[in-house]
Amino acid sequence: MSLGGPSETKPATPEIQDIADKVRCEVEAKENKKFPEFKAVEYKSQVVQGGNYFIKVHVGGGNYIHLRVFESLPHEKKPLSLTSYQTNKTKEDELT
C-alpha cells in the first residue's frame, strides 16, 4: 500500500477476494438482497493508520458495486470494517 493517497488500480488478488467475502453478508443485509455473484475484479489500497481497500466487485450480469473496507493495524486486532459502498456501478466505472 502507498502512504497517503490511493494506489493505482490493480487486478484483484485472492487476499482482496477474501476481504470482499468477509463483508459480503453486511452488504447483502444493507441492500436486503442476495447477490448471485460476488467476485472482486480490481482494487486500490491506501495507508491510513491501517489500510483502506477500494474494491470493485462483480455482483452478476452487468452489475458492479464498489466497496470501501478499512483494515485496522494488526496489533489492534479489530475486524474488517465496511466503511461505505456504492451500487449501480458498471465495469467501466472508475474506483473512487
N, C-alpha and C. Protein backbone atom coordinates (compact mmCIF):
# COMPACT_ATOMS: atom_id res chain seq x y z
N MET A 1 0.84 -1.18 0.00
CA MET A 1 0.00 0.00 0.00
C MET A 1 0.88 1.24 0.00
N SER A 2 0.42 2.26 -0.69
CA SER A 2 1.18 3.50 -0.72
C SER A 2 0.75 4.39 0.44
N LEU A 3 1.66 5.20 0.93
CA LEU A 3 1.37 6.09 2.03
C LEU A 3 0.63 7.32 1.52
N GLY A 4 -0.48 7.66 2.14
CA GLY A 4 -1.24 8.84 1.75
C GLY A 4 -2.36 8.54 0.80
N GLY A 5 -2.17 8.86 -0.47
CA GLY A 5 -3.23 8.68 -1.47
C GLY A 5 -3.41 7.23 -1.87
N PRO A 6 -4.52 6.95 -2.55
CA PRO A 6 -4.76 5.58 -3.01
C PRO A 6 -3.73 5.13 -4.05
N SER A 7 -3.50 3.85 -4.10
CA SER A 7 -2.59 3.26 -5.09
C SER A 7 -3.23 3.29 -6.46
N GLU A 8 -2.46 2.85 -7.44
CA GLU A 8 -3.02 2.64 -8.78
C GLU A 8 -4.00 1.47 -8.70
N THR A 9 -4.91 1.40 -9.64
CA THR A 9 -5.85 0.27 -9.70
C THR A 9 -5.08 -0.97 -10.13
N LYS A 10 -5.32 -2.07 -9.40
CA LYS A 10 -4.64 -3.34 -9.67
C LYS A 10 -5.67 -4.46 -9.78
N PRO A 11 -5.34 -5.54 -10.49
CA PRO A 11 -6.24 -6.69 -10.53
C PRO A 11 -6.40 -7.28 -9.12
N ALA A 12 -7.59 -7.75 -8.82
CA ALA A 12 -7.85 -8.34 -7.50
C ALA A 12 -7.02 -9.60 -7.31
N THR A 13 -6.61 -9.81 -6.07
CA THR A 13 -5.83 -10.98 -5.67
C THR A 13 -6.71 -11.86 -4.78
N PRO A 14 -6.26 -13.07 -4.47
CA PRO A 14 -7.03 -13.90 -3.53
C PRO A 14 -7.22 -13.19 -2.17
N GLU A 15 -6.23 -12.42 -1.71
CA GLU A 15 -6.37 -11.68 -0.44
C GLU A 15 -7.51 -10.66 -0.53
N ILE A 16 -7.60 -9.96 -1.66
CA ILE A 16 -8.67 -8.97 -1.86
C ILE A 16 -10.03 -9.66 -1.94
N GLN A 17 -10.10 -10.82 -2.61
CA GLN A 17 -11.35 -11.57 -2.65
C GLN A 17 -11.76 -11.98 -1.24
N ASP A 18 -10.81 -12.37 -0.42
CA ASP A 18 -11.10 -12.76 0.96
C ASP A 18 -11.68 -11.57 1.75
N ILE A 19 -11.12 -10.39 1.55
CA ILE A 19 -11.63 -9.18 2.22
C ILE A 19 -13.07 -8.92 1.77
N ALA A 20 -13.33 -9.00 0.46
CA ALA A 20 -14.69 -8.79 -0.06
C ALA A 20 -15.65 -9.83 0.52
N ASP A 21 -15.21 -11.08 0.57
CA ASP A 21 -16.07 -12.15 1.11
C ASP A 21 -16.45 -11.88 2.56
N LYS A 22 -15.53 -11.30 3.32
CA LYS A 22 -15.79 -11.05 4.75
C LYS A 22 -16.83 -9.95 4.99
N VAL A 23 -17.05 -9.08 4.02
CA VAL A 23 -18.07 -8.03 4.20
C VAL A 23 -19.32 -8.29 3.35
N ARG A 24 -19.34 -9.39 2.59
CA ARG A 24 -20.47 -9.68 1.70
C ARG A 24 -21.80 -9.71 2.46
N CYS A 25 -21.86 -10.42 3.57
CA CYS A 25 -23.12 -10.53 4.32
C CYS A 25 -23.62 -9.16 4.77
N GLU A 26 -22.72 -8.29 5.17
CA GLU A 26 -23.11 -6.95 5.60
C GLU A 26 -23.70 -6.15 4.44
N VAL A 27 -23.07 -6.23 3.27
CA VAL A 27 -23.57 -5.52 2.08
C VAL A 27 -24.94 -6.08 1.70
N GLU A 28 -25.07 -7.40 1.68
CA GLU A 28 -26.34 -8.01 1.31
C GLU A 28 -27.44 -7.64 2.30
N ALA A 29 -27.12 -7.56 3.58
CA ALA A 29 -28.11 -7.16 4.59
C ALA A 29 -28.55 -5.72 4.38
N LYS A 30 -27.58 -4.83 4.10
CA LYS A 30 -27.92 -3.42 3.89
C LYS A 30 -28.75 -3.23 2.62
N GLU A 31 -28.49 -4.03 1.60
CA GLU A 31 -29.22 -3.93 0.34
C GLU A 31 -30.49 -4.79 0.34
N ASN A 32 -30.64 -5.61 1.37
CA ASN A 32 -31.78 -6.51 1.50
C ASN A 32 -31.93 -7.43 0.28
N LYS A 33 -30.79 -7.96 -0.18
CA LYS A 33 -30.81 -8.92 -1.28
C LYS A 33 -29.55 -9.76 -1.27
N LYS A 34 -29.66 -10.93 -1.90
CA LYS A 34 -28.52 -11.83 -2.07
C LYS A 34 -28.00 -11.64 -3.49
N PHE A 35 -26.71 -11.44 -3.62
CA PHE A 35 -26.11 -11.28 -4.94
C PHE A 35 -25.76 -12.66 -5.50
N PRO A 36 -26.09 -12.91 -6.79
CA PRO A 36 -25.79 -14.22 -7.37
C PRO A 36 -24.29 -14.47 -7.50
N GLU A 37 -23.53 -13.41 -7.51
CA GLU A 37 -22.08 -13.49 -7.67
C GLU A 37 -21.47 -12.41 -6.79
N PHE A 38 -20.24 -12.58 -6.35
CA PHE A 38 -19.56 -11.56 -5.55
C PHE A 38 -18.06 -11.72 -5.79
N LYS A 39 -17.64 -11.31 -7.00
CA LYS A 39 -16.26 -11.54 -7.42
C LYS A 39 -15.49 -10.23 -7.50
N ALA A 40 -14.48 -10.09 -6.66
CA ALA A 40 -13.61 -8.91 -6.70
C ALA A 40 -12.85 -8.93 -8.02
N VAL A 41 -12.86 -7.80 -8.74
CA VAL A 41 -12.17 -7.75 -10.02
C VAL A 41 -10.96 -6.82 -10.02
N GLU A 42 -11.02 -5.74 -9.25
CA GLU A 42 -9.87 -4.83 -9.14
C GLU A 42 -9.98 -4.07 -7.83
N TYR A 43 -8.85 -3.43 -7.47
CA TYR A 43 -8.84 -2.70 -6.19
C TYR A 43 -7.78 -1.63 -6.18
N LYS A 44 -7.92 -0.74 -5.21
CA LYS A 44 -6.90 0.24 -4.86
C LYS A 44 -6.71 0.10 -3.35
N SER A 45 -5.55 0.48 -2.86
CA SER A 45 -5.30 0.45 -1.43
C SER A 45 -4.72 1.79 -0.99
N GLN A 46 -4.86 2.07 0.30
CA GLN A 46 -4.40 3.33 0.86
C GLN A 46 -4.01 3.10 2.32
N VAL A 47 -2.85 3.63 2.71
CA VAL A 47 -2.39 3.51 4.09
C VAL A 47 -2.89 4.71 4.88
N VAL A 48 -3.64 4.43 5.95
CA VAL A 48 -4.19 5.48 6.84
C VAL A 48 -4.32 4.90 8.24
N GLN A 49 -3.25 4.84 9.02
CA GLN A 49 -3.27 4.22 10.34
C GLN A 49 -4.04 2.89 10.27
N GLY A 50 -3.64 2.09 9.35
CA GLY A 50 -4.29 0.85 8.97
C GLY A 50 -4.35 0.89 7.46
N GLY A 51 -5.38 0.36 6.89
CA GLY A 51 -5.47 0.39 5.43
C GLY A 51 -6.90 0.46 4.94
N ASN A 52 -7.12 1.26 3.92
CA ASN A 52 -8.38 1.28 3.20
C ASN A 52 -8.22 0.48 1.93
N TYR A 53 -9.22 -0.32 1.62
CA TYR A 53 -9.27 -1.04 0.36
C TYR A 53 -10.51 -0.57 -0.39
N PHE A 54 -10.31 -0.16 -1.62
CA PHE A 54 -11.41 0.22 -2.51
C PHE A 54 -11.51 -0.93 -3.51
N ILE A 55 -12.63 -1.65 -3.49
CA ILE A 55 -12.73 -2.89 -4.25
C ILE A 55 -13.93 -2.84 -5.19
N LYS A 56 -13.69 -3.12 -6.47
CA LYS A 56 -14.78 -3.26 -7.45
C LYS A 56 -15.19 -4.73 -7.45
N VAL A 57 -16.49 -4.98 -7.24
CA VAL A 57 -17.00 -6.34 -7.14
C VAL A 57 -18.09 -6.56 -8.18
N HIS A 58 -17.94 -7.63 -8.96
CA HIS A 58 -18.97 -8.03 -9.93
C HIS A 58 -20.03 -8.82 -9.16
N VAL A 59 -21.30 -8.36 -9.25
CA VAL A 59 -22.37 -9.00 -8.48
C VAL A 59 -23.40 -9.68 -9.38
N GLY A 60 -23.04 -9.93 -10.64
CA GLY A 60 -23.92 -10.65 -11.55
C GLY A 60 -24.38 -9.77 -12.71
N GLY A 61 -24.55 -10.38 -13.87
CA GLY A 61 -24.97 -9.64 -15.06
C GLY A 61 -23.96 -8.55 -15.37
N GLY A 62 -24.44 -7.36 -15.66
CA GLY A 62 -23.55 -6.23 -15.91
C GLY A 62 -23.43 -5.34 -14.69
N ASN A 63 -23.77 -5.87 -13.51
CA ASN A 63 -23.81 -5.07 -12.29
C ASN A 63 -22.56 -5.21 -11.43
N TYR A 64 -22.12 -4.06 -10.93
CA TYR A 64 -20.94 -4.00 -10.06
C TYR A 64 -21.27 -3.12 -8.87
N ILE A 65 -20.55 -3.35 -7.78
CA ILE A 65 -20.60 -2.44 -6.64
C ILE A 65 -19.17 -2.08 -6.27
N HIS A 66 -19.00 -0.96 -5.63
CA HIS A 66 -17.70 -0.52 -5.13
C HIS A 66 -17.74 -0.55 -3.61
N LEU A 67 -16.77 -1.20 -3.01
CA LEU A 67 -16.67 -1.30 -1.56
C LEU A 67 -15.51 -0.46 -1.06
N ARG A 68 -15.66 0.09 0.12
CA ARG A 68 -14.54 0.71 0.84
C ARG A 68 -14.47 -0.01 2.18
N VAL A 69 -13.37 -0.72 2.39
CA VAL A 69 -13.20 -1.55 3.58
C VAL A 69 -11.96 -1.10 4.33
N PHE A 70 -12.09 -0.91 5.64
CA PHE A 70 -10.97 -0.50 6.47
C PHE A 70 -10.42 -1.68 7.24
N GLU A 71 -9.09 -1.82 7.20
CA GLU A 71 -8.40 -2.85 7.97
C GLU A 71 -7.52 -2.15 8.99
N SER A 72 -7.80 -2.40 10.27
CA SER A 72 -7.02 -1.74 11.32
C SER A 72 -5.60 -2.32 11.38
N LEU A 73 -4.75 -1.66 12.13
CA LEU A 73 -3.39 -2.15 12.33
C LEU A 73 -3.43 -3.50 13.04
N PRO A 74 -2.49 -4.40 12.71
CA PRO A 74 -2.53 -5.76 13.28
C PRO A 74 -2.60 -5.81 14.81
N HIS A 75 -1.89 -4.93 15.49
CA HIS A 75 -1.88 -5.00 16.95
C HIS A 75 -3.22 -4.59 17.57
N GLU A 76 -4.08 -3.91 16.80
CA GLU A 76 -5.40 -3.51 17.31
C GLU A 76 -6.39 -4.67 17.33
N LYS A 77 -6.13 -5.70 16.52
CA LYS A 77 -6.95 -6.92 16.48
C LYS A 77 -8.44 -6.63 16.33
N LYS A 78 -8.77 -5.70 15.44
CA LYS A 78 -10.17 -5.38 15.16
C LYS A 78 -10.58 -6.04 13.85
N PRO A 79 -11.87 -6.36 13.71
CA PRO A 79 -12.32 -6.97 12.45
C PRO A 79 -12.34 -5.94 11.32
N LEU A 80 -12.40 -6.44 10.09
CA LEU A 80 -12.55 -5.55 8.93
C LEU A 80 -13.84 -4.75 9.09
N SER A 81 -13.83 -3.53 8.57
CA SER A 81 -14.99 -2.66 8.69
C SER A 81 -15.41 -2.15 7.32
N LEU A 82 -16.66 -2.41 6.95
CA LEU A 82 -17.21 -1.86 5.71
C LEU A 82 -17.50 -0.40 5.97
N THR A 83 -16.69 0.49 5.40
CA THR A 83 -16.82 1.93 5.63
C THR A 83 -17.94 2.50 4.79
N SER A 84 -18.00 2.10 3.51
CA SER A 84 -19.05 2.57 2.62
C SER A 84 -19.09 1.67 1.39
N TYR A 85 -20.14 1.86 0.61
CA TYR A 85 -20.24 1.13 -0.66
C TYR A 85 -21.13 1.92 -1.60
N GLN A 86 -20.96 1.64 -2.90
CA GLN A 86 -21.75 2.29 -3.94
C GLN A 86 -22.33 1.21 -4.84
N THR A 87 -23.61 1.33 -5.15
CA THR A 87 -24.26 0.36 -6.04
C THR A 87 -24.46 0.99 -7.41
N ASN A 88 -25.06 0.22 -8.31
CA ASN A 88 -25.36 0.68 -9.68
C ASN A 88 -24.11 1.13 -10.43
N LYS A 89 -23.05 0.38 -10.28
CA LYS A 89 -21.80 0.66 -10.98
C LYS A 89 -21.67 -0.28 -12.17
N THR A 90 -20.83 0.12 -13.13
CA THR A 90 -20.58 -0.73 -14.30
C THR A 90 -19.11 -1.14 -14.32
N LYS A 91 -18.78 -2.03 -15.22
CA LYS A 91 -17.38 -2.48 -15.35
C LYS A 91 -16.46 -1.32 -15.66
N GLU A 92 -16.94 -0.32 -16.38
CA GLU A 92 -16.11 0.80 -16.80
C GLU A 92 -15.95 1.88 -15.72
N ASP A 93 -16.82 1.91 -14.72
CA ASP A 93 -16.74 2.95 -13.69
C ASP A 93 -15.42 2.88 -12.92
N GLU A 94 -14.78 4.03 -12.76
CA GLU A 94 -13.52 4.08 -12.03
C GLU A 94 -13.77 3.98 -10.54
N LEU A 95 -12.88 3.27 -9.87
CA LEU A 95 -12.94 3.19 -8.40
C LEU A 95 -12.55 4.56 -7.83
N THR A 96 -13.44 5.13 -7.01
CA THR A 96 -13.13 6.43 -6.39
C THR A 96 -13.36 6.35 -4.90
